[in-house]
């Protein structure tokens, strides 16, 4: 949910640890590089496009789909609820 937010944090951690985003011209496999692959499916954007909800945050979507909020905001529950 809001995949770009998560990816920006992943990139930040990789960059702080000496990794650089791979470029098409990188040919040296010994460099510390990374590439974040595709596809990236953003459930927040999908909710905005297709659901008649006023808000698109995960708790609003849980309410819309009648999903329990008992363990909301734990990583494993958030991932499971986005499936």
N, C-alpha and C. Protein backbone atom coordinates (compact mmCIF):
# COMPACT_ATOMS: atom_id res chain seq x y z
N UNK A 1 0.86 -1.16 0.00
CA UNK A 1 0.00 0.00 0.00
C UNK A 1 0.91 1.22 0.00
N UNK A 2 0.79 2.05 -1.03
CA UNK A 2 1.68 3.20 -1.23
C UNK A 2 3.12 2.70 -1.44
N UNK A 3 3.29 1.91 -2.46
CA UNK A 3 4.54 1.20 -2.73
C UNK A 3 5.74 2.14 -2.90
N UNK A 4 5.55 3.32 -3.44
CA UNK A 4 6.68 4.24 -3.63
C UNK A 4 7.29 4.67 -2.30
N UNK A 5 6.48 4.79 -1.28
CA UNK A 5 6.98 5.12 0.06
C UNK A 5 7.94 4.04 0.54
N UNK A 6 7.54 2.78 0.41
CA UNK A 6 8.39 1.67 0.84
C UNK A 6 9.66 1.58 0.01
N UNK A 7 9.53 1.75 -1.29
CA UNK A 7 10.71 1.65 -2.16
C UNK A 7 11.71 2.76 -1.86
N UNK A 8 11.23 3.95 -1.54
CA UNK A 8 12.16 5.03 -1.20
C UNK A 8 12.96 4.68 0.05
N UNK A 9 12.34 4.02 1.01
CA UNK A 9 13.06 3.60 2.22
C UNK A 9 14.06 2.49 1.91
N UNK A 10 13.69 1.56 1.07
CA UNK A 10 14.62 0.49 0.68
C UNK A 10 15.82 1.07 -0.04
N UNK A 11 15.58 1.99 -0.97
CA UNK A 11 16.70 2.64 -1.68
C UNK A 11 17.61 3.38 -0.71
N UNK A 12 17.03 4.07 0.24
CA UNK A 12 17.80 4.83 1.22
C UNK A 12 18.72 3.91 2.02
N UNK A 13 18.20 2.78 2.48
CA UNK A 13 19.01 1.82 3.25
C UNK A 13 20.14 1.26 2.38
N UNK A 14 19.83 0.90 1.15
CA UNK A 14 20.86 0.37 0.26
C UNK A 14 21.94 1.42 0.00
N UNK A 15 21.54 2.64 -0.27
CA UNK A 15 22.52 3.70 -0.54
C UNK A 15 23.40 3.98 0.68
N UNK A 16 22.80 3.99 1.87
CA UNK A 16 23.59 4.21 3.09
C UNK A 16 24.60 3.09 3.32
N UNK A 17 24.35 1.93 2.76
CA UNK A 17 25.25 0.79 2.94
C UNK A 17 26.17 0.58 1.75
N UNK A 18 26.36 1.62 0.95
CA UNK A 18 27.35 1.59 -0.11
C UNK A 18 26.89 1.03 -1.43
N UNK A 19 25.61 0.80 -1.61
CA UNK A 19 25.10 0.29 -2.88
C UNK A 19 24.63 1.46 -3.74
N UNK A 20 24.77 1.29 -5.05
CA UNK A 20 24.26 2.26 -6.00
C UNK A 20 23.26 1.57 -6.90
N UNK A 21 22.27 2.32 -7.36
CA UNK A 21 21.28 1.73 -8.26
C UNK A 21 21.97 1.39 -9.58
N UNK A 22 21.74 0.18 -10.05
CA UNK A 22 22.37 -0.30 -11.28
C UNK A 22 21.87 0.52 -12.47
N UNK A 23 22.79 0.83 -13.35
CA UNK A 23 22.46 1.51 -14.60
C UNK A 23 22.63 0.53 -15.75
N UNK A 24 22.03 0.80 -16.85
CA UNK A 24 22.14 -0.12 -18.00
C UNK A 24 23.59 -0.27 -18.45
N UNK A 25 24.42 0.75 -18.21
CA UNK A 25 25.80 0.69 -18.69
C UNK A 25 26.73 -0.03 -17.72
N UNK A 26 26.26 -0.37 -16.52
CA UNK A 26 27.10 -1.10 -15.57
C UNK A 26 27.39 -2.50 -16.12
N UNK A 27 28.66 -2.78 -16.32
CA UNK A 27 29.03 -4.10 -16.84
C UNK A 27 29.84 -4.88 -15.83
N UNK A 28 30.31 -4.21 -14.79
CA UNK A 28 31.16 -4.85 -13.80
C UNK A 28 30.29 -5.44 -12.69
N UNK A 29 30.21 -6.77 -12.65
CA UNK A 29 29.37 -7.44 -11.66
C UNK A 29 29.94 -7.38 -10.24
N UNK A 30 31.16 -6.87 -10.09
CA UNK A 30 31.75 -6.81 -8.75
C UNK A 30 31.32 -5.55 -8.00
N UNK A 31 30.70 -4.61 -8.68
CA UNK A 31 30.23 -3.39 -8.02
C UNK A 31 29.07 -3.71 -7.09
N UNK A 32 28.93 -2.91 -6.05
CA UNK A 32 27.78 -3.05 -5.15
C UNK A 32 26.62 -2.27 -5.76
N UNK A 33 25.84 -2.96 -6.56
CA UNK A 33 24.71 -2.31 -7.22
C UNK A 33 23.42 -3.08 -6.93
N UNK A 34 22.31 -2.41 -7.14
CA UNK A 34 21.01 -3.06 -6.97
C UNK A 34 20.07 -2.56 -8.05
N UNK A 35 19.07 -3.33 -8.33
CA UNK A 35 18.00 -2.94 -9.24
C UNK A 35 16.70 -3.40 -8.62
N UNK A 36 15.77 -2.49 -8.43
CA UNK A 36 14.46 -2.85 -7.91
C UNK A 36 13.59 -3.21 -9.10
N UNK A 37 13.14 -4.46 -9.12
CA UNK A 37 12.43 -4.97 -10.28
C UNK A 37 10.98 -4.56 -10.37
N UNK A 38 10.40 -4.94 -11.45
CA UNK A 38 8.99 -4.66 -11.72
C UNK A 38 8.26 -5.96 -11.84
N UNK A 39 6.97 -6.07 -11.71
CA UNK A 39 6.06 -4.94 -11.50
C UNK A 39 5.93 -4.59 -10.04
N UNK A 40 5.56 -3.37 -9.79
CA UNK A 40 5.24 -2.91 -8.45
C UNK A 40 3.76 -2.56 -8.47
N UNK A 41 2.99 -3.27 -7.71
CA UNK A 41 1.55 -3.06 -7.70
C UNK A 41 1.20 -2.25 -6.46
N UNK A 42 0.62 -1.10 -6.66
CA UNK A 42 0.29 -0.20 -5.56
C UNK A 42 -1.20 -0.31 -5.24
N UNK A 43 -1.51 -0.97 -4.13
CA UNK A 43 -2.90 -1.15 -3.74
C UNK A 43 -3.57 0.18 -3.39
N UNK A 44 -2.81 1.17 -2.96
CA UNK A 44 -3.38 2.48 -2.66
C UNK A 44 -3.88 3.14 -3.95
N UNK A 45 -3.08 3.09 -5.00
CA UNK A 45 -3.49 3.66 -6.29
C UNK A 45 -4.68 2.91 -6.87
N UNK A 46 -4.69 1.59 -6.74
CA UNK A 46 -5.82 0.81 -7.23
C UNK A 46 -7.11 1.18 -6.49
N UNK A 47 -7.00 1.37 -5.19
CA UNK A 47 -8.17 1.76 -4.40
C UNK A 47 -8.69 3.12 -4.85
N UNK A 48 -7.79 4.05 -5.10
CA UNK A 48 -8.18 5.38 -5.55
C UNK A 48 -8.93 5.31 -6.88
N UNK A 49 -8.45 4.45 -7.77
CA UNK A 49 -9.05 4.35 -9.10
C UNK A 49 -10.38 3.61 -9.12
N UNK A 50 -10.52 2.58 -8.28
CA UNK A 50 -11.64 1.66 -8.47
C UNK A 50 -12.64 1.56 -7.32
N UNK A 51 -12.35 2.12 -6.17
CA UNK A 51 -13.27 1.96 -5.04
C UNK A 51 -13.98 3.27 -4.72
N UNK A 52 -15.22 3.18 -4.28
CA UNK A 52 -16.00 4.39 -3.97
C UNK A 52 -15.77 4.89 -2.54
N UNK A 53 -14.57 4.73 -2.04
CA UNK A 53 -14.27 5.17 -0.68
C UNK A 53 -13.76 6.60 -0.69
N UNK A 54 -14.06 7.32 0.37
CA UNK A 54 -13.59 8.70 0.48
C UNK A 54 -12.09 8.75 0.73
N UNK A 55 -11.59 7.78 1.50
CA UNK A 55 -10.16 7.70 1.81
C UNK A 55 -9.62 6.37 1.30
N UNK A 56 -8.32 6.32 1.05
CA UNK A 56 -7.71 5.10 0.52
C UNK A 56 -6.67 4.51 1.47
N UNK A 57 -6.61 4.99 2.70
CA UNK A 57 -5.63 4.39 3.61
C UNK A 57 -6.06 2.96 3.93
N UNK A 58 -5.13 2.20 4.46
CA UNK A 58 -5.37 0.78 4.67
C UNK A 58 -6.52 0.52 5.64
N UNK A 59 -6.65 1.32 6.67
CA UNK A 59 -7.76 1.11 7.60
C UNK A 59 -9.11 1.40 6.95
N UNK A 60 -9.18 2.40 6.09
CA UNK A 60 -10.43 2.69 5.37
C UNK A 60 -10.79 1.52 4.46
N UNK A 61 -9.78 0.91 3.84
CA UNK A 61 -10.04 -0.24 2.97
C UNK A 61 -10.42 -1.47 3.78
N UNK A 62 -9.82 -1.63 4.95
CA UNK A 62 -10.24 -2.74 5.83
C UNK A 62 -11.72 -2.59 6.18
N UNK A 63 -12.13 -1.38 6.50
CA UNK A 63 -13.53 -1.14 6.83
C UNK A 63 -14.42 -1.44 5.62
N UNK A 64 -14.03 -0.98 4.44
CA UNK A 64 -14.81 -1.19 3.23
C UNK A 64 -15.00 -2.68 2.94
N UNK A 65 -13.91 -3.44 3.08
CA UNK A 65 -13.96 -4.88 2.78
C UNK A 65 -14.31 -5.73 4.01
N UNK A 66 -14.63 -5.08 5.12
CA UNK A 66 -15.01 -5.76 6.36
C UNK A 66 -13.92 -6.72 6.84
N UNK A 67 -12.69 -6.22 6.85
CA UNK A 67 -11.53 -6.97 7.33
C UNK A 67 -11.21 -6.48 8.74
N UNK A 68 -10.91 -7.39 9.62
CA UNK A 68 -10.61 -7.06 11.01
C UNK A 68 -9.41 -6.11 11.10
N UNK A 69 -9.47 -5.22 12.08
CA UNK A 69 -8.34 -4.31 12.33
C UNK A 69 -7.58 -4.71 13.60
N UNK A 70 -7.81 -5.93 14.08
CA UNK A 70 -7.20 -6.38 15.33
C UNK A 70 -5.68 -6.22 15.34
N UNK A 71 -5.02 -6.60 14.27
CA UNK A 71 -3.56 -6.53 14.24
C UNK A 71 -3.08 -5.54 13.19
N UNK A 72 -3.87 -4.52 12.95
CA UNK A 72 -3.51 -3.51 11.94
C UNK A 72 -2.15 -2.88 12.26
N UNK A 73 -1.43 -2.56 11.24
CA UNK A 73 -0.12 -1.91 11.31
C UNK A 73 1.00 -2.83 11.76
N UNK A 74 0.77 -4.13 11.79
CA UNK A 74 1.90 -5.05 11.92
C UNK A 74 2.23 -5.46 10.49
N UNK A 75 3.50 -5.59 10.20
CA UNK A 75 3.93 -5.81 8.82
C UNK A 75 3.25 -7.02 8.18
N UNK A 76 3.22 -8.14 8.89
CA UNK A 76 2.64 -9.33 8.29
C UNK A 76 1.14 -9.18 8.05
N UNK A 77 0.43 -8.53 8.95
CA UNK A 77 -1.00 -8.31 8.77
C UNK A 77 -1.26 -7.34 7.62
N UNK A 78 -0.49 -6.28 7.53
CA UNK A 78 -0.68 -5.32 6.44
C UNK A 78 -0.44 -5.99 5.08
N UNK A 79 0.58 -6.81 4.99
CA UNK A 79 0.85 -7.53 3.74
C UNK A 79 -0.31 -8.46 3.40
N UNK A 80 -0.74 -9.21 4.38
CA UNK A 80 -1.84 -10.15 4.16
C UNK A 80 -3.12 -9.42 3.75
N UNK A 81 -3.41 -8.31 4.37
CA UNK A 81 -4.62 -7.56 4.05
C UNK A 81 -4.57 -6.93 2.66
N UNK A 82 -3.40 -6.70 2.14
CA UNK A 82 -3.27 -6.14 0.78
C UNK A 82 -3.43 -7.20 -0.30
N UNK A 83 -3.43 -8.46 0.08
CA UNK A 83 -3.60 -9.52 -0.90
C UNK A 83 -5.00 -9.50 -1.36
